[in-house]
Amino acid sequence: MLTYKDAIDRPIGMIESRSTEHGVCLGFVLAKAHWGHGLMPEALEPIVNAAFQEKQVWRVYAFCDFQNAASQRVLQKINMNCEGILRRWMTHPNVSAEPRDCYCFAQVR
C-alpha cells in the first residue's frame, strides 16, 4: 500500500510482487490524482533492486494494457524493456469485459 504526505495517510495505490519459479512479477495501481508525480517509479525501483538480490531471481517483469502509455512509461523508467505484445492476455474490468492485449516488460540479470 502506498501513502503520500498529501493524502493524509490514506492509501493512494498498491504494488504487488509475486514470486515465480525464476523471477518476480509486479503489478501496480495508483489513484489518478497522483499520476505524473514520479511516485510509482520511485516506489517500484527498490522492489526491483531487492528482487535481484535474491540468487534465484533472474527476471522481474510486469504486464500493462497496450493502450496504457503511462504504465508503459513507468516500466521504462525503471529500466524494463518491452518484450512484446501478448494477445488477449488480461481482462481490465474498468476498461472492457473482454481480455485485452498487453505489453510484457522485463528486466533480466
C-alpha atoms as a PDB file:
ATOM      1  CA  MET A   1       0.000   0.000   0.000  1.00  0.00           C
ATOM      2  CA  LEU A   2       1.330   3.416  -0.932  1.00  0.00           C
ATOM      3  CA  THR A   3       0.658   6.513   1.104  1.00  0.00           C
ATOM      4  CA  TYR A   4       1.644  10.051   0.287  1.00  0.00           C
ATOM      5  CA  LYS A   5       2.089  13.007   2.621  1.00  0.00           C
ATOM      6  CA  ASP A   6      -0.705  14.979   0.913  1.00  0.00           C
ATOM      7  CA  ALA A   7      -3.076  12.009   1.099  1.00  0.00           C
ATOM      8  CA  ILE A   8      -3.482  12.325   4.886  1.00  0.00           C
ATOM      9  CA  ASP A   9      -2.228   8.750   5.390  1.00  0.00           C
ATOM     10  CA  ARG A  10      -4.882   7.236   3.151  1.00  0.00           C
ATOM     11  CA  PRO A  11      -3.883   4.622   0.581  1.00  0.00           C
ATOM     12  CA  ILE A  12      -3.310   6.068  -2.864  1.00  0.00           C
ATOM     13  CA  GLY A  13      -2.121   2.939  -4.630  1.00  0.00           C
ATOM     14  CA  MET A  14      -0.819  -0.561  -4.375  1.00  0.00           C
ATOM     15  CA  ILE A  15       2.123  -2.646  -5.546  1.00  0.00           C
ATOM     16  CA  GLU A  16       2.052  -6.414  -5.734  1.00  0.00           C
ATOM     17  CA  SER A  17       5.064  -8.647  -6.272  1.00  0.00           C
ATOM     18  CA  ARG A  18       4.610 -12.350  -6.861  1.00  0.00           C
ATOM     19  CA  SER A  19       7.418 -14.860  -6.927  1.00  0.00           C
ATOM     20  CA  THR A  20       7.597 -17.222  -9.864  1.00  0.00           C
ATOM     21  CA  GLU A  21       9.997 -20.083 -10.478  1.00  0.00           C
ATOM     22  CA  HIS A  22      12.853 -17.837 -11.623  1.00  0.00           C
ATOM     23  CA  GLY A  23      11.518 -14.347 -11.205  1.00  0.00           C
ATOM     24  CA  VAL A  24       9.165 -11.794  -9.781  1.00  0.00           C
ATOM     25  CA  CYS A  25       6.009 -10.472 -11.405  1.00  0.00           C
ATOM     26  CA  LEU A  26       4.992  -6.920 -10.493  1.00  0.00           C
ATOM     27  CA  GLY A  27       1.591  -5.290 -10.555  1.00  0.00           C
ATOM     28  CA  PHE A  28       0.678  -1.752  -9.567  1.00  0.00           C
ATOM     29  CA  VAL A  29      -2.144   0.767  -9.428  1.00  0.00           C
ATOM     30  CA  LEU A  30      -2.152   4.416  -8.433  1.00  0.00           C
ATOM     31  CA  ALA A  31      -5.019   6.832  -7.801  1.00  0.00           C
ATOM     32  CA  LYS A  32      -5.451   9.161 -10.768  1.00  0.00           C
ATOM     33  CA  ALA A  33      -4.975  12.270  -8.616  1.00  0.00           C
ATOM     34  CA  HIS A  34      -1.372  11.160  -8.026  1.00  0.00           C
ATOM     35  CA  TRP A  35      -0.383  10.352 -11.617  1.00  0.00           C
ATOM     36  CA  GLY A  36       2.550  12.202 -13.120  1.00  0.00           C
ATOM     37  CA  HIS A  37       4.446  12.893  -9.892  1.00  0.00           C
ATOM     38  CA  GLY A  38       7.025  10.113 -10.240  1.00  0.00           C
ATOM     39  CA  LEU A  39       5.676   8.200  -7.253  1.00  0.00           C
ATOM     40  CA  MET A  40       5.332   4.798  -8.892  1.00  0.00           C
ATOM     41  CA  PRO A  41       8.837   4.566 -10.387  1.00  0.00           C
ATOM     42  CA  GLU A  42      10.231   5.721  -7.039  1.00  0.00           C
ATOM     43  CA  ALA A  43       8.285   3.003  -5.219  1.00  0.00           C
ATOM     44  CA  LEU A  44       8.984   0.218  -7.745  1.00  0.00           C
ATOM     45  CA  GLU A  45      12.724   0.697  -8.189  1.00  0.00           C
ATOM     46  CA  PRO A  46      13.727  -0.526  -4.696  1.00  0.00           C
ATOM     47  CA  ILE A  47      11.475  -3.559  -5.125  1.00  0.00           C
ATOM     48  CA  VAL A  48      13.190  -4.468  -8.390  1.00  0.00           C
ATOM     49  CA  ASN A  49      16.619  -3.948  -6.816  1.00  0.00           C
ATOM     50  CA  ALA A  50      15.696  -6.104  -3.814  1.00  0.00           C
ATOM     51  CA  ALA A  51      14.368  -8.853  -6.079  1.00  0.00           C
ATOM     52  CA  PHE A  52      17.685  -9.070  -7.899  1.00  0.00           C
ATOM     53  CA  GLN A  53      19.480  -9.525  -4.575  1.00  0.00           C
ATOM     54  CA  GLU A  54      17.897 -12.990  -4.426  1.00  0.00           C
ATOM     55  CA  LYS A  55      20.023 -15.683  -6.116  1.00  0.00           C
ATOM     56  CA  GLN A  56      17.063 -17.459  -7.701  1.00  0.00           C
ATOM     57  CA  VAL A  57      15.632 -14.330  -9.374  1.00  0.00           C
ATOM     58  CA  TRP A  58      16.672 -13.994 -12.997  1.00  0.00           C
ATOM     59  CA  ARG A  59      13.905 -11.706 -14.244  1.00  0.00           C
ATOM     60  CA  VAL A  60      11.482  -9.124 -12.937  1.00  0.00           C
ATOM     61  CA  TYR A  61       8.533  -8.482 -15.215  1.00  0.00           C
ATOM     62  CA  ALA A  62       5.173  -6.772 -15.494  1.00  0.00           C
ATOM     63  CA  PHE A  63       2.281  -6.518 -17.919  1.00  0.00           C
ATOM     64  CA  CYS A  64       0.302  -3.446 -18.889  1.00  0.00           C
ATOM     65  CA  ASP A  65      -2.560  -2.735 -21.248  1.00  0.00           C
ATOM     66  CA  PHE A  66      -1.293  -1.945 -24.739  1.00  0.00           C
ATOM     67  CA  GLN A  67      -3.050   1.442 -24.628  1.00  0.00           C
ATOM     68  CA  ASN A  68      -1.792   2.419 -21.166  1.00  0.00           C
ATOM     69  CA  ALA A  69       1.051   4.765 -22.134  1.00  0.00           C
ATOM     70  CA  ALA A  70       1.517   5.973 -18.536  1.00  0.00           C
ATOM     71  CA  SER A  71       2.190   2.466 -17.206  1.00  0.00           C
ATOM     72  CA  GLN A  72       4.487   1.766 -20.134  1.00  0.00           C
ATOM     73  CA  ARG A  73       6.480   4.866 -19.224  1.00  0.00           C
ATOM     74  CA  VAL A  74       6.668   3.827 -15.547  1.00  0.00           C
ATOM     75  CA  LEU A  75       8.146   0.481 -16.566  1.00  0.00           C
ATOM     76  CA  GLN A  76      10.623   2.122 -18.932  1.00  0.00           C
ATOM     77  CA  LYS A  77      11.728   4.499 -16.164  1.00  0.00           C
ATOM     78  CA  ILE A  78      12.730   1.532 -14.001  1.00  0.00           C
ATOM     79  CA  ASN A  79      14.833   0.111 -16.844  1.00  0.00           C
ATOM     80  CA  MET A  80      12.435  -2.539 -18.053  1.00  0.00           C
ATOM     81  CA  ASN A  81      12.376  -3.383 -21.743  1.00  0.00           C
ATOM     82  CA  CYS A  82       9.306  -4.168 -23.779  1.00  0.00           C
ATOM     83  CA  GLU A  83       9.499  -7.820 -24.829  1.00  0.00           C
ATOM     84  CA  GLY A  84       6.374  -7.839 -26.958  1.00  0.00           C
ATOM     85  CA  ILE A  85       2.600  -7.954 -27.076  1.00  0.00           C
ATOM     86  CA  LEU A  86       0.588 -10.758 -25.511  1.00  0.00           C
ATOM     87  CA  ARG A  87      -2.701 -11.035 -27.377  1.00  0.00           C
ATOM     88  CA  ARG A  88      -5.914 -11.190 -25.355  1.00  0.00           C
ATOM     89  CA  TRP A  89      -3.771 -11.602 -22.227  1.00  0.00           C
ATOM     90  CA  MET A  90      -5.618  -9.864 -19.416  1.00  0.00           C
ATOM     91  CA  THR A  91      -9.030  -8.548 -18.506  1.00  0.00           C
ATOM     92  CA  HIS A  92      -9.172  -5.000 -17.196  1.00  0.00           C
ATOM     93  CA  PRO A  93     -12.742  -4.677 -15.855  1.00  0.00           C
ATOM     94  CA  ASN A  94     -12.530  -0.884 -15.723  1.00  0.00           C
ATOM     95  CA  VAL A  95     -11.763  -0.843 -19.474  1.00  0.00           C
ATOM     96  CA  SER A  96     -13.514  -3.876 -21.012  1.00  0.00           C
ATOM     97  CA  ALA A  97     -15.060  -7.199 -20.071  1.00  0.00           C
ATOM     98  CA  GLU A  98     -13.050  -8.880 -22.831  1.00  0.00           C
ATOM     99  CA  PRO A  99      -9.394  -9.873 -22.459  1.00  0.00           C
ATOM    100  CA  ARG A 100      -7.142  -7.181 -23.896  1.00  0.00           C
ATOM    101  CA  ASP A 101      -3.718  -7.131 -25.479  1.00  0.00           C
ATOM    102  CA  CYS A 102      -0.893  -6.342 -23.068  1.00  0.00           C
ATOM    103  CA  TYR A 103       2.735  -5.440 -23.339  1.00  0.00           C
ATOM    104  CA  CYS A 104       5.191  -7.523 -21.369  1.00  0.00           C
ATOM    105  CA  PHE A 105       8.075  -5.555 -19.875  1.00  0.00           C
ATOM    106  CA  ALA A 106      11.033  -7.165 -18.126  1.00  0.00           C
ATOM    107  CA  GLN A 107      14.457  -6.598 -16.669  1.00  0.00           C
ATOM    108  CA  VAL A 108      16.751  -9.616 -16.608  1.00  0.00           C
ATOM    109  CA  ARG A 109      20.001 -10.443 -14.896  1.00  0.00           C
END
